[in-house]
């Protein structure tokens, strides 16, 4: 019989690791995205 508790814990740890990777990537990209947008793109967006 499979050890469901161990399988659950492994799945939970993998999910938490994946979420942490996504959060870290988002935090790294915040500065890069702001630099790429620039003032011209913001001005065109705000004209709508």
C-alpha atoms as a PDB file:
ATOM      1  CA  UNK A   1       0.000   0.000   0.000  1.00  0.00           C
ATOM      2  CA  UNK A   2       1.417   3.419  -0.958  1.00  0.00           C
ATOM      3  CA  UNK A   3       2.496   5.805   1.741  1.00  0.00           C
ATOM      4  CA  UNK A   4      -0.043   8.538   1.044  1.00  0.00           C
ATOM      5  CA  UNK A   5       1.307  10.824   3.734  1.00  0.00           C
ATOM      6  CA  UNK A   6       4.777  10.774   2.171  1.00  0.00           C
ATOM      7  CA  UNK A   7       3.329  11.340  -1.304  1.00  0.00           C
ATOM      8  CA  UNK A   8       1.272  14.267  -0.036  1.00  0.00           C
ATOM      9  CA  UNK A   9       4.283  15.844   1.674  1.00  0.00           C
ATOM     10  CA  UNK A  10       6.437  15.435  -1.443  1.00  0.00           C
ATOM     11  CA  UNK A  11       3.725  17.040  -3.580  1.00  0.00           C
ATOM     12  CA  UNK A  12       3.286  19.886  -1.099  1.00  0.00           C
ATOM     13  CA  UNK A  13       7.042  20.572  -1.000  1.00  0.00           C
ATOM     14  CA  UNK A  14       7.289  20.567  -4.799  1.00  0.00           C
ATOM     15  CA  UNK A  15       4.320  22.942  -5.067  1.00  0.00           C
ATOM     16  CA  UNK A  16       5.835  25.282  -2.495  1.00  0.00           C
ATOM     17  CA  UNK A  17       9.183  25.215  -4.314  1.00  0.00           C
ATOM     18  CA  UNK A  18       7.497  26.039  -7.632  1.00  0.00           C
ATOM     19  CA  UNK A  19       5.586  28.933  -6.060  1.00  0.00           C
ATOM     20  CA  UNK A  20       8.783  30.304  -4.527  1.00  0.00           C
ATOM     21  CA  UNK A  21      10.543  30.139  -7.912  1.00  0.00           C
ATOM     22  CA  UNK A  22       7.698  32.097  -9.527  1.00  0.00           C
ATOM     23  CA  UNK A  23       7.709  34.707  -6.751  1.00  0.00           C
ATOM     24  CA  UNK A  24      11.473  35.136  -7.015  1.00  0.00           C
ATOM     25  CA  UNK A  25      11.284  35.530 -10.803  1.00  0.00           C
ATOM     26  CA  UNK A  26       8.507  38.108 -10.467  1.00  0.00           C
ATOM     27  CA  UNK A  27      10.523  40.114  -7.961  1.00  0.00           C
ATOM     28  CA  UNK A  28      13.598  40.061 -10.223  1.00  0.00           C
ATOM     29  CA  UNK A  29      11.583  41.178 -13.246  1.00  0.00           C
ATOM     30  CA  UNK A  30       9.808  44.117 -11.592  1.00  0.00           C
ATOM     31  CA  UNK A  31      12.716  46.477 -12.196  1.00  0.00           C
ATOM     32  CA  UNK A  32      13.334  45.184 -15.707  1.00  0.00           C
ATOM     33  CA  UNK A  33       9.716  45.610 -16.763  1.00  0.00           C
ATOM     34  CA  UNK A  34       9.560  49.181 -15.484  1.00  0.00           C
ATOM     35  CA  UNK A  35      12.670  50.037 -17.484  1.00  0.00           C
ATOM     36  CA  UNK A  36      11.275  48.471 -20.659  1.00  0.00           C
ATOM     37  CA  UNK A  37       7.969  50.337 -20.487  1.00  0.00           C
ATOM     38  CA  UNK A  38       9.529  53.808 -20.472  1.00  0.00           C
ATOM     39  CA  UNK A  39       7.670  57.080 -20.442  1.00  0.00           C
ATOM     40  CA  UNK A  40       6.558  56.986 -24.083  1.00  0.00           C
ATOM     41  CA  UNK A  41       4.600  53.775 -23.667  1.00  0.00           C
ATOM     42  CA  UNK A  42       2.996  55.050 -20.466  1.00  0.00           C
ATOM     43  CA  UNK A  43       1.945  58.266 -22.176  1.00  0.00           C
ATOM     44  CA  UNK A  44       0.356  56.363 -25.091  1.00  0.00           C
ATOM     45  CA  UNK A  45      -1.454  54.042 -22.666  1.00  0.00           C
ATOM     46  CA  UNK A  46      -2.840  56.930 -20.599  1.00  0.00           C
ATOM     47  CA  UNK A  47      -4.310  58.665 -23.667  1.00  0.00           C
ATOM     48  CA  UNK A  48      -7.127  56.110 -23.939  1.00  0.00           C
END
